[in-house]
Every structure is written in C-alpha cells, then in structure tokens.
Amino acid sequence: KARGAYVMATASAAKQAFVRGLGADEVIDYRRQDFVAEARAMDVVLDPFLGTDRLRSLEILTPGGMLVSLLPTGFEEVDARAAELGVRATAMQVEYDHTGMAGVAALAQSGALRPHVENVYELAEAAKAHMVGETGRVTGKLVLAVRS
C-alpha cells in the first residue's frame, strides 16, 4: 500500500476495521464470501497459508501475475497449475539487504508501516505465548521480552 498498490484483503467481519486501518482498500469476509468470486484481476497475491486457498488464488491472477507465498513448501501442484494459467508462483525469500532494510526503516519512520503488537510476554512465559500463537486467533504479533 505504501508503494501505491490497490490492496484487497481477507478477514473475518470482526477484524475488517483493523485490516482497513492497516491500509486495505477492500476487505472480503472470508467466512461469508468466496474470495475467488470477489477478487478478480489481481497482479499479485500474497499468500500466508498452505492448502487449497493457495491453489485457488491462482485463478484470480492476471496473465503474468504472481502468487507469493510466505511458506516455502507445497508448490508441486501449484507450479503445474500456474504454468497452465500463464501465471507465476514463488515463495518469499528473506535475505539481509541494506537498501531494502533502509526502505523498511523509512516506511516505519514515516508511519506508513505500523506494527501491531497484541501482547508482550516475559521470556519465562514463552510456552504460554506459543500456545496463544497456535490458536490462530492472534491479531498482529506476540513479542517475547528478553531483559538483561
């Protein structure tokens, strides 16, 4: 969004205001709407999940469009279907890059990038934080505080 993209997102009804606050132009309620029917002609899909939604996401891409997964596994069927549709699929690779990190820092300093921390746990509560994360009901990030 900070680079000028029109952003569509999926979220439950309860989290739509939060997602709009992050910059989404449109939000699809994935519990009530089929995102494939609602989102058409996307140039890029950012996919944070494994499963059938990744494969279905290929259907909404424009020719030459790209699905970018945050998870680097499960691409066998996706790659084959992407080739049939004339689109691409890849996993995001995070590597240290000074220029890229400076760009992220500038976005944070300008307020265009705003992290949301749901809760901060002491290091001794790491197991509890992990259990909360496993629920799949976390909005934003869980942080472990390491104090010296």
N, C-alpha and C. Protein backbone atom coordinates (compact mmCIF):
# COMPACT_ATOMS: atom_id res chain seq x y z
N LYS A 1 0.82 -1.19 0.00
CA LYS A 1 0.00 0.00 0.00
C LYS A 1 0.87 1.26 0.00
N ALA A 2 1.94 1.21 0.77
CA ALA A 2 2.84 2.37 0.87
C ALA A 2 3.51 2.70 -0.46
N ARG A 3 3.53 1.75 -1.37
CA ARG A 3 4.13 1.97 -2.68
C ARG A 3 3.09 2.25 -3.77
N GLY A 4 1.84 2.48 -3.35
CA GLY A 4 0.82 2.88 -4.30
C GLY A 4 -0.10 1.78 -4.79
N ALA A 5 0.00 0.59 -4.25
CA ALA A 5 -0.84 -0.52 -4.71
C ALA A 5 -2.27 -0.37 -4.18
N TYR A 6 -3.22 -0.85 -4.97
CA TYR A 6 -4.60 -1.00 -4.51
C TYR A 6 -4.63 -2.35 -3.80
N VAL A 7 -5.09 -2.38 -2.56
CA VAL A 7 -4.97 -3.58 -1.74
C VAL A 7 -6.34 -4.15 -1.39
N MET A 8 -6.52 -5.43 -1.73
CA MET A 8 -7.67 -6.19 -1.27
C MET A 8 -7.15 -7.20 -0.25
N ALA A 9 -7.93 -7.43 0.80
CA ALA A 9 -7.51 -8.35 1.85
C ALA A 9 -8.68 -9.23 2.25
N THR A 10 -8.38 -10.31 2.95
CA THR A 10 -9.43 -11.15 3.52
C THR A 10 -9.32 -11.08 5.04
N ALA A 11 -10.47 -11.04 5.69
CA ALA A 11 -10.53 -11.02 7.15
C ALA A 11 -11.94 -11.37 7.58
N SER A 12 -12.08 -11.86 8.79
CA SER A 12 -13.41 -12.10 9.34
C SER A 12 -14.06 -10.74 9.58
N ALA A 13 -15.37 -10.74 9.75
CA ALA A 13 -16.10 -9.50 9.99
C ALA A 13 -15.55 -8.74 11.19
N ALA A 14 -15.17 -9.47 12.22
CA ALA A 14 -14.67 -8.84 13.45
C ALA A 14 -13.34 -8.12 13.25
N LYS A 15 -12.57 -8.50 12.25
CA LYS A 15 -11.24 -7.91 12.05
C LYS A 15 -11.17 -6.97 10.84
N GLN A 16 -12.29 -6.71 10.20
CA GLN A 16 -12.26 -5.88 9.00
C GLN A 16 -11.81 -4.45 9.27
N ALA A 17 -12.27 -3.85 10.35
CA ALA A 17 -11.86 -2.48 10.67
C ALA A 17 -10.35 -2.42 10.92
N PHE A 18 -9.82 -3.42 11.60
CA PHE A 18 -8.38 -3.48 11.84
C PHE A 18 -7.62 -3.54 10.52
N VAL A 19 -8.07 -4.40 9.61
CA VAL A 19 -7.38 -4.58 8.33
C VAL A 19 -7.49 -3.31 7.48
N ARG A 20 -8.62 -2.65 7.49
CA ARG A 20 -8.75 -1.37 6.79
C ARG A 20 -7.81 -0.33 7.39
N GLY A 21 -7.66 -0.37 8.70
CA GLY A 21 -6.74 0.55 9.37
C GLY A 21 -5.29 0.33 8.98
N LEU A 22 -4.97 -0.88 8.54
CA LEU A 22 -3.62 -1.18 8.05
C LEU A 22 -3.42 -0.68 6.62
N GLY A 23 -4.53 -0.33 5.95
CA GLY A 23 -4.40 0.23 4.61
C GLY A 23 -5.15 -0.50 3.52
N ALA A 24 -5.88 -1.55 3.84
CA ALA A 24 -6.63 -2.27 2.79
C ALA A 24 -7.72 -1.37 2.21
N ASP A 25 -7.83 -1.37 0.89
CA ASP A 25 -8.88 -0.61 0.22
C ASP A 25 -10.21 -1.35 0.25
N GLU A 26 -10.14 -2.66 0.14
CA GLU A 26 -11.33 -3.52 0.20
C GLU A 26 -11.00 -4.71 1.08
N VAL A 27 -12.00 -5.18 1.83
CA VAL A 27 -11.81 -6.35 2.67
C VAL A 27 -12.94 -7.33 2.39
N ILE A 28 -12.56 -8.56 2.10
CA ILE A 28 -13.51 -9.64 1.82
C ILE A 28 -13.67 -10.47 3.09
N ASP A 29 -14.91 -10.67 3.52
CA ASP A 29 -15.18 -11.52 4.68
C ASP A 29 -15.09 -12.97 4.22
N TYR A 30 -13.97 -13.61 4.52
CA TYR A 30 -13.73 -14.97 4.02
C TYR A 30 -14.70 -16.00 4.58
N ARG A 31 -15.39 -15.66 5.65
CA ARG A 31 -16.37 -16.60 6.21
C ARG A 31 -17.71 -16.54 5.47
N ARG A 32 -17.98 -15.42 4.81
CA ARG A 32 -19.27 -15.24 4.13
C ARG A 32 -19.15 -15.11 2.62
N GLN A 33 -17.96 -14.81 2.14
CA GLN A 33 -17.77 -14.56 0.71
C GLN A 33 -16.64 -15.45 0.19
N ASP A 34 -16.78 -15.86 -1.05
CA ASP A 34 -15.72 -16.61 -1.72
C ASP A 34 -14.75 -15.60 -2.33
N PHE A 35 -13.52 -15.58 -1.85
CA PHE A 35 -12.58 -14.58 -2.33
C PHE A 35 -12.31 -14.71 -3.83
N VAL A 36 -12.43 -15.90 -4.39
CA VAL A 36 -12.21 -16.08 -5.82
C VAL A 36 -13.31 -15.36 -6.62
N ALA A 37 -14.52 -15.40 -6.13
CA ALA A 37 -15.63 -14.71 -6.80
C ALA A 37 -15.54 -13.19 -6.63
N GLU A 38 -14.98 -12.73 -5.52
CA GLU A 38 -14.94 -11.30 -5.21
C GLU A 38 -13.71 -10.59 -5.77
N ALA A 39 -12.58 -11.25 -5.76
CA ALA A 39 -11.32 -10.62 -6.17
C ALA A 39 -10.94 -11.10 -7.56
N ARG A 40 -10.99 -10.24 -8.51
CA ARG A 40 -10.63 -10.59 -9.89
C ARG A 40 -9.51 -9.69 -10.38
N ALA A 41 -8.73 -10.19 -11.30
CA ALA A 41 -7.68 -9.43 -11.99
C ALA A 41 -6.65 -8.84 -11.02
N MET A 42 -6.14 -9.68 -10.15
CA MET A 42 -5.08 -9.28 -9.23
C MET A 42 -3.72 -9.50 -9.91
N ASP A 43 -2.84 -8.56 -9.77
CA ASP A 43 -1.49 -8.71 -10.31
C ASP A 43 -0.61 -9.54 -9.39
N VAL A 44 -0.84 -9.42 -8.08
CA VAL A 44 -0.05 -10.15 -7.08
C VAL A 44 -0.98 -10.62 -5.98
N VAL A 45 -0.77 -11.84 -5.53
CA VAL A 45 -1.46 -12.37 -4.35
C VAL A 45 -0.38 -12.76 -3.36
N LEU A 46 -0.50 -12.24 -2.14
CA LEU A 46 0.40 -12.62 -1.06
C LEU A 46 -0.33 -13.65 -0.22
N ASP A 47 0.20 -14.86 -0.18
CA ASP A 47 -0.48 -15.99 0.44
C ASP A 47 0.26 -16.45 1.69
N PRO A 48 -0.34 -16.27 2.88
CA PRO A 48 0.32 -16.70 4.10
C PRO A 48 -0.02 -18.12 4.55
N PHE A 49 -0.83 -18.87 3.78
CA PHE A 49 -1.31 -20.17 4.22
C PHE A 49 -0.93 -21.28 3.25
N LEU A 50 -0.93 -22.49 3.77
CA LEU A 50 -0.86 -23.68 2.93
C LEU A 50 -2.28 -24.12 2.64
N GLY A 51 -2.46 -25.01 1.71
CA GLY A 51 -3.78 -25.57 1.48
C GLY A 51 -4.40 -25.15 0.17
N THR A 52 -5.70 -25.39 0.06
CA THR A 52 -6.40 -25.19 -1.21
C THR A 52 -6.51 -23.73 -1.60
N ASP A 53 -6.48 -22.80 -0.63
CA ASP A 53 -6.58 -21.38 -1.00
C ASP A 53 -5.41 -20.94 -1.86
N ARG A 54 -4.25 -21.51 -1.64
CA ARG A 54 -3.09 -21.16 -2.47
C ARG A 54 -3.36 -21.54 -3.92
N LEU A 55 -3.86 -22.70 -4.13
CA LEU A 55 -4.16 -23.16 -5.48
C LEU A 55 -5.29 -22.32 -6.10
N ARG A 56 -6.31 -22.02 -5.32
CA ARG A 56 -7.44 -21.22 -5.80
C ARG A 56 -7.03 -19.78 -6.10
N SER A 57 -6.03 -19.28 -5.38
CA SER A 57 -5.56 -17.91 -5.59
C SER A 57 -5.01 -17.70 -6.99
N LEU A 58 -4.51 -18.75 -7.60
CA LEU A 58 -4.00 -18.63 -8.97
C LEU A 58 -5.09 -18.19 -9.94
N GLU A 59 -6.33 -18.54 -9.64
CA GLU A 59 -7.46 -18.24 -10.54
C GLU A 59 -7.75 -16.75 -10.65
N ILE A 60 -7.35 -15.95 -9.65
CA ILE A 60 -7.68 -14.52 -9.67
C ILE A 60 -6.56 -13.65 -10.21
N LEU A 61 -5.44 -14.29 -10.60
CA LEU A 61 -4.31 -13.52 -11.13
C LEU A 61 -4.50 -13.15 -12.59
N THR A 62 -4.02 -11.97 -12.94
CA THR A 62 -3.98 -11.55 -14.34
C THR A 62 -2.91 -12.38 -15.06
N PRO A 63 -2.97 -12.49 -16.38
CA PRO A 63 -1.90 -13.18 -17.10
C PRO A 63 -0.54 -12.56 -16.75
N GLY A 64 0.42 -13.39 -16.38
CA GLY A 64 1.73 -12.90 -15.97
C GLY A 64 1.80 -12.52 -14.50
N GLY A 65 0.66 -12.59 -13.79
CA GLY A 65 0.61 -12.25 -12.37
C GLY A 65 1.40 -13.23 -11.53
N MET A 66 1.54 -12.90 -10.25
CA MET A 66 2.39 -13.73 -9.39
C MET A 66 1.74 -13.97 -8.04
N LEU A 67 1.77 -15.22 -7.62
CA LEU A 67 1.40 -15.61 -6.27
C LEU A 67 2.69 -15.70 -5.47
N VAL A 68 2.76 -14.98 -4.35
CA VAL A 68 3.93 -15.01 -3.49
C VAL A 68 3.51 -15.63 -2.17
N SER A 69 4.09 -16.77 -1.84
CA SER A 69 3.77 -17.46 -0.60
C SER A 69 4.77 -17.11 0.48
N LEU A 70 4.26 -16.98 1.70
CA LEU A 70 5.15 -16.78 2.84
C LEU A 70 5.73 -18.09 3.34
N LEU A 71 5.19 -19.20 2.84
CA LEU A 71 5.65 -20.53 3.24
C LEU A 71 6.28 -21.24 2.05
N PRO A 72 7.53 -21.67 2.17
CA PRO A 72 8.26 -22.20 1.01
C PRO A 72 8.01 -23.68 0.72
N THR A 73 6.85 -24.21 1.07
CA THR A 73 6.58 -25.63 0.82
C THR A 73 5.27 -25.79 0.08
N GLY A 74 5.06 -26.99 -0.46
CA GLY A 74 3.78 -27.33 -1.08
C GLY A 74 3.54 -26.72 -2.44
N PHE A 75 4.56 -26.66 -3.28
CA PHE A 75 4.43 -25.99 -4.57
C PHE A 75 4.24 -26.91 -5.77
N GLU A 76 4.30 -28.21 -5.58
CA GLU A 76 4.26 -29.12 -6.73
C GLU A 76 3.01 -28.89 -7.58
N GLU A 77 1.85 -29.00 -6.99
CA GLU A 77 0.59 -28.83 -7.72
C GLU A 77 0.40 -27.37 -8.15
N VAL A 78 0.82 -26.45 -7.31
CA VAL A 78 0.68 -25.02 -7.60
C VAL A 78 1.50 -24.64 -8.83
N ASP A 79 2.74 -25.11 -8.90
CA ASP A 79 3.59 -24.80 -10.06
C ASP A 79 2.97 -25.30 -11.36
N ALA A 80 2.43 -26.50 -11.33
CA ALA A 80 1.82 -27.06 -12.54
C ALA A 80 0.60 -26.25 -12.97
N ARG A 81 -0.25 -25.89 -12.01
CA ARG A 81 -1.45 -25.12 -12.34
C ARG A 81 -1.09 -23.71 -12.78
N ALA A 82 -0.09 -23.11 -12.15
CA ALA A 82 0.35 -21.77 -12.53
C ALA A 82 0.82 -21.75 -13.99
N ALA A 83 1.56 -22.77 -14.39
CA ALA A 83 2.04 -22.85 -15.78
C ALA A 83 0.86 -22.95 -16.74
N GLU A 84 -0.17 -23.72 -16.38
CA GLU A 84 -1.36 -23.83 -17.23
C GLU A 84 -2.07 -22.49 -17.41
N LEU A 85 -2.07 -21.68 -16.35
CA LEU A 85 -2.79 -20.41 -16.37
C LEU A 85 -1.95 -19.23 -16.88
N GLY A 86 -0.68 -19.46 -17.09
CA GLY A 86 0.18 -18.37 -17.56
C GLY A 86 0.51 -17.37 -16.47
N VAL A 87 0.61 -17.87 -15.21
CA VAL A 87 0.99 -17.03 -14.08
C VAL A 87 2.19 -17.66 -13.38
N ARG A 88 2.70 -16.99 -12.36
CA ARG A 88 3.86 -17.50 -11.66
C ARG A 88 3.54 -17.69 -10.18
N ALA A 89 4.29 -18.57 -9.53
CA ALA A 89 4.16 -18.80 -8.10
C ALA A 89 5.56 -18.94 -7.52
N THR A 90 5.77 -18.30 -6.40
CA THR A 90 7.08 -18.34 -5.76
C THR A 90 6.92 -18.19 -4.26
N ALA A 91 7.95 -18.53 -3.53
CA ALA A 91 7.97 -18.31 -2.08
C ALA A 91 8.84 -17.10 -1.79
N MET A 92 8.44 -16.35 -0.79
CA MET A 92 9.20 -15.17 -0.40
C MET A 92 10.48 -15.62 0.28
N GLN A 93 11.58 -15.08 -0.16
CA GLN A 93 12.88 -15.36 0.44
C GLN A 93 13.33 -14.08 1.14
N VAL A 94 13.57 -14.17 2.43
CA VAL A 94 14.02 -13.01 3.18
C VAL A 94 15.52 -13.10 3.36
N GLU A 95 16.21 -12.14 2.82
CA GLU A 95 17.66 -12.08 2.94
C GLU A 95 18.04 -10.67 3.36
N TYR A 96 19.10 -10.54 4.12
CA TYR A 96 19.55 -9.24 4.55
C TYR A 96 19.98 -8.43 3.33
N ASP A 97 19.47 -7.25 3.24
CA ASP A 97 19.79 -6.34 2.15
C ASP A 97 19.73 -4.93 2.75
N HIS A 98 20.87 -4.26 2.81
CA HIS A 98 20.93 -2.95 3.47
C HIS A 98 19.94 -1.96 2.84
N THR A 99 19.87 -1.92 1.53
CA THR A 99 18.97 -0.98 0.87
C THR A 99 17.51 -1.30 1.19
N GLY A 100 17.17 -2.58 1.16
CA GLY A 100 15.81 -2.98 1.49
C GLY A 100 15.45 -2.67 2.92
N MET A 101 16.37 -2.95 3.84
CA MET A 101 16.12 -2.67 5.26
C MET A 101 16.00 -1.17 5.50
N ALA A 102 16.80 -0.38 4.80
CA ALA A 102 16.69 1.09 4.93
C ALA A 102 15.32 1.56 4.43
N GLY A 103 14.83 0.92 3.38
CA GLY A 103 13.49 1.26 2.88
C GLY A 103 12.41 0.92 3.89
N VAL A 104 12.52 -0.23 4.54
CA VAL A 104 11.56 -0.61 5.57
C VAL A 104 11.64 0.36 6.74
N ALA A 105 12.85 0.73 7.14
CA ALA A 105 13.02 1.69 8.24
C ALA A 105 12.39 3.03 7.89
N ALA A 106 12.56 3.48 6.67
CA ALA A 106 11.96 4.76 6.25
C ALA A 106 10.44 4.69 6.29
N LEU A 107 9.87 3.56 5.88
CA LEU A 107 8.41 3.39 5.96
C LEU A 107 7.94 3.44 7.41
N ALA A 108 8.69 2.80 8.30
CA ALA A 108 8.33 2.81 9.72
C ALA A 108 8.45 4.23 10.30
N GLN A 109 9.51 4.93 9.96
CA GLN A 109 9.70 6.28 10.47
C GLN A 109 8.63 7.25 9.98
N SER A 110 8.15 7.03 8.76
CA SER A 110 7.11 7.92 8.21
C SER A 110 5.71 7.58 8.73
N GLY A 111 5.58 6.42 9.38
CA GLY A 111 4.27 6.00 9.86
C GLY A 111 3.51 5.16 8.86
N ALA A 112 4.06 4.94 7.68
CA ALA A 112 3.39 4.13 6.66
C ALA A 112 3.41 2.65 7.02
N LEU A 113 4.35 2.24 7.84
CA LEU A 113 4.45 0.86 8.31
C LEU A 113 4.29 0.90 9.83
N ARG A 114 3.18 0.32 10.30
CA ARG A 114 2.87 0.35 11.72
C ARG A 114 2.64 -1.07 12.23
N PRO A 115 3.59 -1.60 12.98
CA PRO A 115 3.38 -2.95 13.52
C PRO A 115 2.31 -2.93 14.61
N HIS A 116 1.59 -4.02 14.72
CA HIS A 116 0.59 -4.15 15.78
C HIS A 116 1.04 -5.29 16.69
N VAL A 117 1.27 -4.96 17.94
CA VAL A 117 1.69 -5.95 18.94
C VAL A 117 0.46 -6.28 19.78
N GLU A 118 0.03 -7.53 19.72
CA GLU A 118 -1.13 -7.94 20.52
C GLU A 118 -0.78 -8.07 21.99
N ASN A 119 0.40 -8.65 22.27
CA ASN A 119 0.78 -8.85 23.66
C ASN A 119 2.28 -9.04 23.77
N VAL A 120 2.82 -8.64 24.92
CA VAL A 120 4.24 -8.84 25.23
C VAL A 120 4.33 -9.83 26.39
N TYR A 121 5.12 -10.87 26.22
CA TYR A 121 5.31 -11.90 27.23
C TYR A 121 6.75 -11.86 27.71
N GLU A 122 6.93 -12.13 28.99
CA GLU A 122 8.28 -12.30 29.52
C GLU A 122 8.84 -13.61 28.95
N LEU A 123 10.15 -13.72 28.87
CA LEU A 123 10.77 -14.92 28.31
C LEU A 123 10.31 -16.18 29.06
N ALA A 124 10.09 -16.07 30.36
CA ALA A 124 9.63 -17.21 31.14
C ALA A 124 8.23 -17.67 30.72
N GLU A 125 7.50 -16.82 30.00
CA GLU A 125 6.16 -17.15 29.52
C GLU A 125 6.15 -17.59 28.06
N ALA A 126 7.30 -17.99 27.54
CA ALA A 126 7.41 -18.36 26.13
C ALA A 126 6.44 -19.48 25.76
N ALA A 127 6.27 -20.46 26.63
CA ALA A 127 5.34 -21.56 26.33
C ALA A 127 3.91 -21.04 26.20
N LYS A 128 3.52 -20.13 27.07
CA LYS A 128 2.18 -19.53 27.00
C LYS A 128 2.02 -18.75 25.70
N ALA A 129 3.02 -17.95 25.35
CA ALA A 129 2.96 -17.19 24.11
C ALA A 129 2.82 -18.12 22.91
N HIS A 130 3.55 -19.22 22.93
CA HIS A 130 3.48 -20.19 21.85
C HIS A 130 2.07 -20.78 21.75
N MET A 131 1.47 -21.12 22.88
CA MET A 131 0.12 -21.67 22.89
C MET A 131 -0.89 -20.66 22.33
N VAL A 132 -0.74 -19.39 22.70
CA VAL A 132 -1.63 -18.35 22.17
C VAL A 132 -1.46 -18.25 20.65
N GLY A 133 -0.22 -18.27 20.19
CA GLY A 133 0.05 -18.22 18.76
C GLY A 133 -0.54 -19.38 17.99
N GLU A 134 -0.54 -20.55 18.60
CA GLU A 134 -1.09 -21.74 17.96
C GLU A 134 -2.60 -21.70 17.78
N THR A 135 -3.29 -20.82 18.49
CA THR A 135 -4.75 -20.75 18.37
C THR A 135 -5.18 -20.22 17.01
N GLY A 136 -4.28 -19.49 16.32
CA GLY A 136 -4.65 -18.89 15.05
C GLY A 136 -5.56 -17.69 15.20
N ARG A 137 -5.68 -17.16 16.38
CA ARG A 137 -6.57 -16.04 16.66
C ARG A 137 -5.82 -14.79 17.09
N VAL A 138 -4.58 -14.67 16.69
CA VAL A 138 -3.75 -13.53 17.08
C VAL A 138 -3.87 -12.43 16.03
N THR A 139 -4.09 -11.22 16.50
CA THR A 139 -4.11 -10.06 15.61
C THR A 139 -2.79 -9.33 15.80
N GLY A 140 -1.94 -9.38 14.84
CA GLY A 140 -0.63 -8.75 14.96
C GLY A 140 0.41 -9.73 15.46
N LYS A 141 1.31 -9.23 16.28
CA LYS A 141 2.46 -10.01 16.72
C LYS A 141 2.44 -10.25 18.22
N LEU A 142 3.01 -11.37 18.60
CA LEU A 142 3.30 -11.66 20.00
C LEU A 142 4.78 -11.45 20.19
N VAL A 143 5.16 -10.77 21.25
CA VAL A 143 6.56 -10.40 21.48
C VAL A 143 7.05 -11.04 22.77
N LEU A 144 8.27 -11.59 22.72
CA LEU A 144 8.93 -12.09 23.92
C LEU A 144 9.92 -11.02 24.38
N ALA A 145 9.79 -10.60 25.63
CA ALA A 145 10.69 -9.60 26.19
C ALA A 145 11.87 -10.31 26.83
N VAL A 146 13.06 -9.98 26.38
CA VAL A 146 14.27 -10.55 26.95
C VAL A 146 14.98 -9.40 27.66
N ARG A 147 15.05 -9.50 28.97
CA ARG A 147 15.62 -8.42 29.77
C ARG A 147 16.96 -8.87 30.35
N SER A 148 17.88 -7.93 30.43
CA SER A 148 19.20 -8.27 31.00
C SER A 148 19.35 -7.71 32.38
